[in-house]
Amino acid sequence: MTGEHNHPQLRGQESSSDASSAQASDRRADDNRTVTKKELVGRIADRTGQTKVVTKDIIQMFLDEIISELGRGNRLEFREFGVFEIKERAARKAQNPRTLEKVDVPAKKVVKFKVGRLMKERVGVT
């Protein structure tokens, strides 16, 4: 990555996030923390010049669309990032660890995420 972006508003601008990404990865090993949507909204608003309100609305619409598509049973593929899809977990027998009683666990749907190539490289996932 050269620090330039394909987004028209950011084209030709040096990305401060490239430097902050390097700093973030340095901190990652000893400073794991929770990053909130509010914090991401602030960062993206700063980088794009949009207001936080507009940025928050766009991010929320994006997240709502992901939920809607998964709710319809659709697979979502974001190249280099990863794939979200719904998988059916089969019914099974389990055991209560305290009472050792056998219990039936019904089949259920779960959301699966398969990590994409770029995320694997940047996060170090194997």
N, C-alpha and C. Protein backbone atom coordinates (compact mmCIF):
# COMPACT_ATOMS: atom_id res chain seq x y z
N MET A 1 0.84 -1.18 0.00
CA MET A 1 0.00 0.00 0.00
C MET A 1 0.88 1.24 0.00
N THR A 2 0.56 2.20 -0.83
CA THR A 2 1.43 3.36 -1.00
C THR A 2 1.01 4.56 -0.17
N GLY A 3 -0.10 4.45 0.57
CA GLY A 3 -0.56 5.61 1.33
C GLY A 3 -1.60 6.40 0.56
N GLU A 4 -1.83 6.04 -0.70
CA GLU A 4 -2.88 6.70 -1.47
C GLU A 4 -4.11 5.83 -1.46
N HIS A 5 -5.27 6.47 -1.62
CA HIS A 5 -6.54 5.76 -1.55
C HIS A 5 -7.27 5.89 -2.87
N ASN A 6 -8.16 4.95 -3.12
CA ASN A 6 -8.98 4.99 -4.32
C ASN A 6 -10.21 5.88 -4.14
N HIS A 7 -10.54 6.22 -2.92
CA HIS A 7 -11.69 7.07 -2.67
C HIS A 7 -11.41 8.46 -3.23
N PRO A 8 -12.36 9.05 -4.01
CA PRO A 8 -12.10 10.33 -4.67
C PRO A 8 -11.71 11.45 -3.70
N GLN A 9 -12.30 11.46 -2.52
CA GLN A 9 -11.97 12.54 -1.59
C GLN A 9 -10.59 12.36 -0.96
N LEU A 10 -10.07 11.15 -1.02
CA LEU A 10 -8.79 10.89 -0.36
C LEU A 10 -7.64 10.69 -1.33
N ARG A 11 -7.93 10.64 -2.63
CA ARG A 11 -6.91 10.38 -3.63
C ARG A 11 -5.77 11.39 -3.51
N GLY A 12 -4.58 10.85 -3.48
CA GLY A 12 -3.41 11.72 -3.46
C GLY A 12 -3.04 12.21 -2.07
N GLN A 13 -3.87 11.94 -1.08
CA GLN A 13 -3.55 12.37 0.27
C GLN A 13 -2.77 11.27 0.96
N GLU A 14 -1.79 11.66 1.72
CA GLU A 14 -1.02 10.69 2.48
C GLU A 14 -1.88 10.22 3.64
N SER A 15 -1.91 8.96 3.87
CA SER A 15 -2.77 8.41 4.90
C SER A 15 -2.06 8.44 6.24
N SER A 16 -2.64 9.19 7.18
CA SER A 16 -2.09 9.19 8.52
C SER A 16 -2.39 7.86 9.20
N SER A 17 -3.39 7.14 8.66
CA SER A 17 -3.72 5.86 9.27
C SER A 17 -2.63 4.82 9.02
N ASP A 18 -1.83 4.98 7.93
CA ASP A 18 -0.75 4.04 7.69
C ASP A 18 0.24 4.08 8.84
N ALA A 19 0.59 5.29 9.28
CA ALA A 19 1.49 5.44 10.42
C ALA A 19 0.81 4.97 11.70
N SER A 20 -0.46 5.36 11.87
CA SER A 20 -1.15 4.96 13.09
C SER A 20 -1.41 3.46 13.10
N SER A 21 -1.56 2.84 11.93
CA SER A 21 -1.73 1.39 11.88
C SER A 21 -0.47 0.70 12.37
N ALA A 22 0.68 1.22 11.97
CA ALA A 22 1.94 0.65 12.42
C ALA A 22 2.07 0.82 13.94
N GLN A 23 1.71 1.99 14.44
CA GLN A 23 1.75 2.22 15.88
C GLN A 23 0.76 1.30 16.59
N ALA A 24 -0.43 1.14 16.00
CA ALA A 24 -1.44 0.30 16.60
C ALA A 24 -0.96 -1.14 16.67
N SER A 25 -0.28 -1.62 15.62
CA SER A 25 0.19 -2.99 15.65
C SER A 25 1.32 -3.16 16.67
N ASP A 26 2.10 -2.09 16.90
CA ASP A 26 3.13 -2.15 17.94
C ASP A 26 2.48 -2.28 19.31
N ARG A 27 1.36 -1.56 19.52
CA ARG A 27 0.67 -1.58 20.80
C ARG A 27 -0.14 -2.85 20.99
N ARG A 28 -0.55 -3.47 19.91
CA ARG A 28 -1.50 -4.58 19.95
C ARG A 28 -1.08 -5.67 20.92
N ALA A 29 0.19 -6.02 20.94
CA ALA A 29 0.63 -7.13 21.76
C ALA A 29 0.43 -6.86 23.25
N ASP A 30 0.67 -5.63 23.72
CA ASP A 30 0.57 -5.37 25.14
C ASP A 30 -0.60 -4.48 25.52
N ASP A 31 -1.38 -3.99 24.56
CA ASP A 31 -2.44 -3.05 24.90
C ASP A 31 -3.73 -3.39 24.16
N ASN A 32 -4.23 -4.62 24.35
CA ASN A 32 -5.49 -4.98 23.71
C ASN A 32 -6.61 -4.21 24.39
N ARG A 33 -7.46 -3.60 23.58
CA ARG A 33 -8.56 -2.83 24.12
C ARG A 33 -9.73 -2.93 23.19
N THR A 34 -10.87 -2.47 23.65
CA THR A 34 -12.07 -2.46 22.83
C THR A 34 -12.19 -1.13 22.12
N VAL A 35 -12.34 -1.17 20.82
CA VAL A 35 -12.54 0.04 20.01
C VAL A 35 -14.03 0.12 19.72
N THR A 36 -14.63 1.25 20.03
CA THR A 36 -16.07 1.40 19.85
C THR A 36 -16.41 1.96 18.47
N LYS A 37 -17.68 1.81 18.11
CA LYS A 37 -18.15 2.39 16.85
C LYS A 37 -17.95 3.90 16.87
N LYS A 38 -18.17 4.52 18.02
CA LYS A 38 -18.01 5.97 18.15
C LYS A 38 -16.58 6.39 17.80
N GLU A 39 -15.61 5.63 18.25
CA GLU A 39 -14.21 5.94 17.96
C GLU A 39 -13.92 5.78 16.47
N LEU A 40 -14.43 4.70 15.87
CA LEU A 40 -14.23 4.51 14.43
C LEU A 40 -14.90 5.61 13.63
N VAL A 41 -16.10 6.01 14.05
CA VAL A 41 -16.82 7.11 13.39
C VAL A 41 -15.96 8.36 13.40
N GLY A 42 -15.37 8.68 14.55
CA GLY A 42 -14.52 9.87 14.67
C GLY A 42 -13.32 9.81 13.73
N ARG A 43 -12.66 8.67 13.68
CA ARG A 43 -11.50 8.52 12.80
C ARG A 43 -11.88 8.69 11.33
N ILE A 44 -12.97 8.01 10.93
CA ILE A 44 -13.38 8.07 9.53
C ILE A 44 -13.87 9.47 9.17
N ALA A 45 -14.59 10.11 10.06
CA ALA A 45 -15.05 11.48 9.81
C ALA A 45 -13.86 12.41 9.62
N ASP A 46 -12.85 12.27 10.44
CA ASP A 46 -11.64 13.10 10.32
C ASP A 46 -10.95 12.87 8.97
N ARG A 47 -10.85 11.61 8.57
CA ARG A 47 -10.15 11.28 7.32
C ARG A 47 -10.91 11.71 6.08
N THR A 48 -12.23 11.70 6.14
CA THR A 48 -13.03 12.01 4.95
C THR A 48 -13.52 13.45 4.90
N GLY A 49 -13.46 14.15 6.03
CA GLY A 49 -13.98 15.51 6.07
C GLY A 49 -15.50 15.56 6.24
N GLN A 50 -16.12 14.41 6.42
CA GLN A 50 -17.56 14.37 6.67
C GLN A 50 -17.82 14.65 8.15
N THR A 51 -19.06 15.02 8.45
CA THR A 51 -19.41 15.21 9.85
C THR A 51 -19.53 13.84 10.51
N LYS A 52 -19.43 13.83 11.83
CA LYS A 52 -19.57 12.57 12.56
C LYS A 52 -20.98 12.02 12.42
N VAL A 53 -21.97 12.90 12.34
CA VAL A 53 -23.36 12.45 12.20
C VAL A 53 -23.55 11.71 10.88
N VAL A 54 -23.07 12.30 9.79
CA VAL A 54 -23.20 11.66 8.47
C VAL A 54 -22.41 10.36 8.45
N THR A 55 -21.20 10.38 8.97
CA THR A 55 -20.37 9.18 9.00
C THR A 55 -21.02 8.08 9.80
N LYS A 56 -21.56 8.42 10.97
CA LYS A 56 -22.23 7.43 11.81
C LYS A 56 -23.43 6.84 11.08
N ASP A 57 -24.22 7.67 10.41
CA ASP A 57 -25.39 7.18 9.67
C ASP A 57 -24.97 6.21 8.56
N ILE A 58 -23.90 6.52 7.85
CA ILE A 58 -23.43 5.65 6.76
C ILE A 58 -22.94 4.32 7.33
N ILE A 59 -22.16 4.38 8.38
CA ILE A 59 -21.66 3.14 8.99
C ILE A 59 -22.82 2.30 9.50
N GLN A 60 -23.81 2.93 10.13
CA GLN A 60 -24.95 2.19 10.64
C GLN A 60 -25.76 1.57 9.51
N MET A 61 -25.92 2.30 8.41
CA MET A 61 -26.62 1.74 7.25
C MET A 61 -25.88 0.52 6.71
N PHE A 62 -24.56 0.62 6.66
CA PHE A 62 -23.73 -0.50 6.19
C PHE A 62 -23.94 -1.72 7.08
N LEU A 63 -23.87 -1.52 8.39
CA LEU A 63 -24.05 -2.63 9.33
C LEU A 63 -25.45 -3.21 9.24
N ASP A 64 -26.45 -2.33 9.10
CA ASP A 64 -27.84 -2.79 8.96
C ASP A 64 -28.01 -3.63 7.70
N GLU A 65 -27.35 -3.25 6.62
CA GLU A 65 -27.44 -4.02 5.38
C GLU A 65 -26.80 -5.40 5.54
N ILE A 66 -25.70 -5.46 6.25
CA ILE A 66 -25.06 -6.76 6.51
C ILE A 66 -26.03 -7.66 7.26
N ILE A 67 -26.64 -7.13 8.30
CA ILE A 67 -27.59 -7.90 9.10
C ILE A 67 -28.78 -8.34 8.25
N SER A 68 -29.30 -7.43 7.43
CA SER A 68 -30.45 -7.76 6.57
C SER A 68 -30.11 -8.88 5.59
N GLU A 69 -28.97 -8.78 4.95
CA GLU A 69 -28.57 -9.80 3.98
C GLU A 69 -28.36 -11.15 4.65
N LEU A 70 -27.71 -11.16 5.80
CA LEU A 70 -27.53 -12.42 6.53
C LEU A 70 -28.89 -12.97 6.96
N GLY A 71 -29.81 -12.09 7.35
CA GLY A 71 -31.15 -12.51 7.74
C GLY A 71 -31.90 -13.16 6.59
N ARG A 72 -31.59 -12.77 5.36
CA ARG A 72 -32.20 -13.38 4.18
C ARG A 72 -31.47 -14.66 3.77
N GLY A 73 -30.42 -15.01 4.49
CA GLY A 73 -29.66 -16.22 4.18
C GLY A 73 -28.58 -16.00 3.14
N ASN A 74 -28.30 -14.75 2.80
CA ASN A 74 -27.30 -14.45 1.78
C ASN A 74 -25.89 -14.46 2.35
N ARG A 75 -24.95 -14.72 1.49
CA ARG A 75 -23.52 -14.72 1.81
C ARG A 75 -22.98 -13.35 1.42
N LEU A 76 -22.15 -12.75 2.26
CA LEU A 76 -21.54 -11.47 1.94
C LEU A 76 -20.04 -11.63 1.79
N GLU A 77 -19.53 -11.22 0.65
CA GLU A 77 -18.10 -11.36 0.38
C GLU A 77 -17.49 -9.98 0.19
N PHE A 78 -16.51 -9.68 1.02
CA PHE A 78 -15.74 -8.44 0.91
C PHE A 78 -14.32 -8.86 0.57
N ARG A 79 -13.95 -8.73 -0.68
CA ARG A 79 -12.64 -9.19 -1.14
C ARG A 79 -11.54 -8.64 -0.25
N GLU A 80 -10.57 -9.48 0.03
CA GLU A 80 -9.40 -9.17 0.86
C GLU A 80 -9.74 -9.07 2.36
N PHE A 81 -11.00 -8.78 2.70
CA PHE A 81 -11.41 -8.63 4.10
C PHE A 81 -11.92 -9.94 4.66
N GLY A 82 -12.95 -10.50 4.02
CA GLY A 82 -13.49 -11.77 4.49
C GLY A 82 -14.90 -12.02 3.99
N VAL A 83 -15.46 -13.13 4.44
CA VAL A 83 -16.78 -13.57 4.01
C VAL A 83 -17.64 -13.87 5.23
N PHE A 84 -18.86 -13.32 5.23
CA PHE A 84 -19.86 -13.63 6.24
C PHE A 84 -20.87 -14.57 5.60
N GLU A 85 -21.25 -15.61 6.33
CA GLU A 85 -22.31 -16.48 5.84
C GLU A 85 -23.00 -17.17 7.01
N ILE A 86 -24.21 -17.64 6.73
CA ILE A 86 -24.99 -18.36 7.72
C ILE A 86 -24.75 -19.86 7.52
N LYS A 87 -24.48 -20.54 8.60
CA LYS A 87 -24.31 -22.00 8.57
C LYS A 87 -25.31 -22.62 9.53
N GLU A 88 -25.77 -23.79 9.17
CA GLU A 88 -26.69 -24.53 10.02
C GLU A 88 -25.87 -25.47 10.90
N ARG A 89 -26.04 -25.35 12.20
CA ARG A 89 -25.41 -26.30 13.12
C ARG A 89 -26.38 -27.43 13.40
N ALA A 90 -25.93 -28.64 13.25
CA ALA A 90 -26.79 -29.80 13.43
C ALA A 90 -27.19 -29.96 14.89
N ALA A 91 -28.35 -30.58 15.10
CA ALA A 91 -28.77 -30.93 16.46
C ALA A 91 -27.77 -31.94 17.01
N ARG A 92 -27.61 -31.92 18.33
CA ARG A 92 -26.64 -32.84 18.93
C ARG A 92 -27.03 -33.16 20.36
N LYS A 93 -26.39 -34.14 20.90
CA LYS A 93 -26.54 -34.50 22.31
C LYS A 93 -25.37 -33.87 23.06
N ALA A 94 -25.68 -33.30 24.21
CA ALA A 94 -24.64 -32.71 25.05
C ALA A 94 -24.83 -33.23 26.47
N GLN A 95 -23.89 -32.87 27.32
CA GLN A 95 -23.97 -33.34 28.70
C GLN A 95 -23.79 -32.16 29.63
N ASN A 96 -24.70 -32.03 30.59
CA ASN A 96 -24.59 -31.01 31.61
C ASN A 96 -23.41 -31.38 32.49
N PRO A 97 -22.38 -30.52 32.58
CA PRO A 97 -21.16 -30.89 33.32
C PRO A 97 -21.41 -31.06 34.83
N ARG A 98 -22.41 -30.36 35.38
CA ARG A 98 -22.67 -30.48 36.82
C ARG A 98 -23.43 -31.75 37.17
N THR A 99 -24.48 -32.03 36.38
CA THR A 99 -25.34 -33.17 36.72
C THR A 99 -25.03 -34.41 35.88
N LEU A 100 -24.25 -34.22 34.83
CA LEU A 100 -23.92 -35.28 33.88
C LEU A 100 -25.15 -35.79 33.12
N GLU A 101 -26.24 -35.03 33.22
CA GLU A 101 -27.47 -35.39 32.50
C GLU A 101 -27.30 -35.12 31.02
N LYS A 102 -27.78 -36.05 30.20
CA LYS A 102 -27.74 -35.89 28.74
C LYS A 102 -28.87 -34.94 28.35
N VAL A 103 -28.55 -33.99 27.46
CA VAL A 103 -29.56 -33.04 27.00
C VAL A 103 -29.48 -32.93 25.48
N ASP A 104 -30.65 -32.67 24.88
CA ASP A 104 -30.71 -32.45 23.43
C ASP A 104 -30.46 -30.98 23.15
N VAL A 105 -29.53 -30.70 22.26
CA VAL A 105 -29.27 -29.33 21.81
C VAL A 105 -29.85 -29.25 20.41
N PRO A 106 -30.83 -28.36 20.20
CA PRO A 106 -31.47 -28.29 18.88
C PRO A 106 -30.54 -27.71 17.81
N ALA A 107 -30.88 -27.97 16.57
CA ALA A 107 -30.15 -27.37 15.45
C ALA A 107 -30.32 -25.86 15.52
N LYS A 108 -29.34 -25.13 15.05
CA LYS A 108 -29.45 -23.66 15.04
C LYS A 108 -28.59 -23.08 13.94
N LYS A 109 -28.91 -21.85 13.59
CA LYS A 109 -28.13 -21.13 12.59
C LYS A 109 -27.11 -20.27 13.31
N VAL A 110 -25.90 -20.19 12.73
CA VAL A 110 -24.85 -19.35 13.29
C VAL A 110 -24.21 -18.53 12.16
N VAL A 111 -23.71 -17.37 12.51
CA VAL A 111 -22.99 -16.55 11.54
C VAL A 111 -21.52 -16.96 11.58
N LYS A 112 -20.99 -17.28 10.43
CA LYS A 112 -19.57 -17.64 10.31
C LYS A 112 -18.85 -16.52 9.57
N PHE A 113 -17.61 -16.29 9.94
CA PHE A 113 -16.78 -15.30 9.25
C PHE A 113 -15.49 -15.98 8.86
N LYS A 114 -15.17 -15.95 7.57
CA LYS A 114 -13.91 -16.49 7.09
C LYS A 114 -13.00 -15.31 6.75
N VAL A 115 -11.86 -15.27 7.37
CA VAL A 115 -10.92 -14.16 7.23
C VAL A 115 -10.33 -14.13 5.81
N GLY A 116 -10.27 -12.93 5.24
CA GLY A 116 -9.69 -12.74 3.91
C GLY A 116 -8.18 -12.59 3.96
N ARG A 117 -7.57 -12.62 2.79
CA ARG A 117 -6.11 -12.60 2.66
C ARG A 117 -5.48 -11.37 3.31
N LEU A 118 -5.98 -10.19 3.00
CA LEU A 118 -5.38 -8.96 3.53
C LEU A 118 -5.48 -8.91 5.05
N MET A 119 -6.61 -9.31 5.58
CA MET A 119 -6.74 -9.32 7.05
C MET A 119 -5.79 -10.34 7.66
N LYS A 120 -5.64 -11.50 7.03
CA LYS A 120 -4.71 -12.51 7.54
C LYS A 120 -3.31 -11.92 7.64
N GLU A 121 -2.92 -11.22 6.58
CA GLU A 121 -1.57 -10.62 6.56
C GLU A 121 -1.39 -9.55 7.62
N ARG A 122 -2.36 -8.68 7.75
CA ARG A 122 -2.22 -7.54 8.67
C ARG A 122 -2.42 -7.91 10.12
N VAL A 123 -3.29 -8.87 10.38
CA VAL A 123 -3.59 -9.25 11.76
C VAL A 123 -2.71 -10.40 12.22
N GLY A 124 -2.17 -11.13 11.26
CA GLY A 124 -1.31 -12.25 11.61
C GLY A 124 -2.10 -13.51 11.95
N VAL A 125 -3.30 -13.63 11.38
CA VAL A 125 -4.13 -14.80 11.62
C VAL A 125 -3.65 -15.92 10.70
N THR A 126 -3.60 -17.13 11.22
CA THR A 126 -3.19 -18.27 10.40
C THR A 126 -4.36 -19.15 10.08
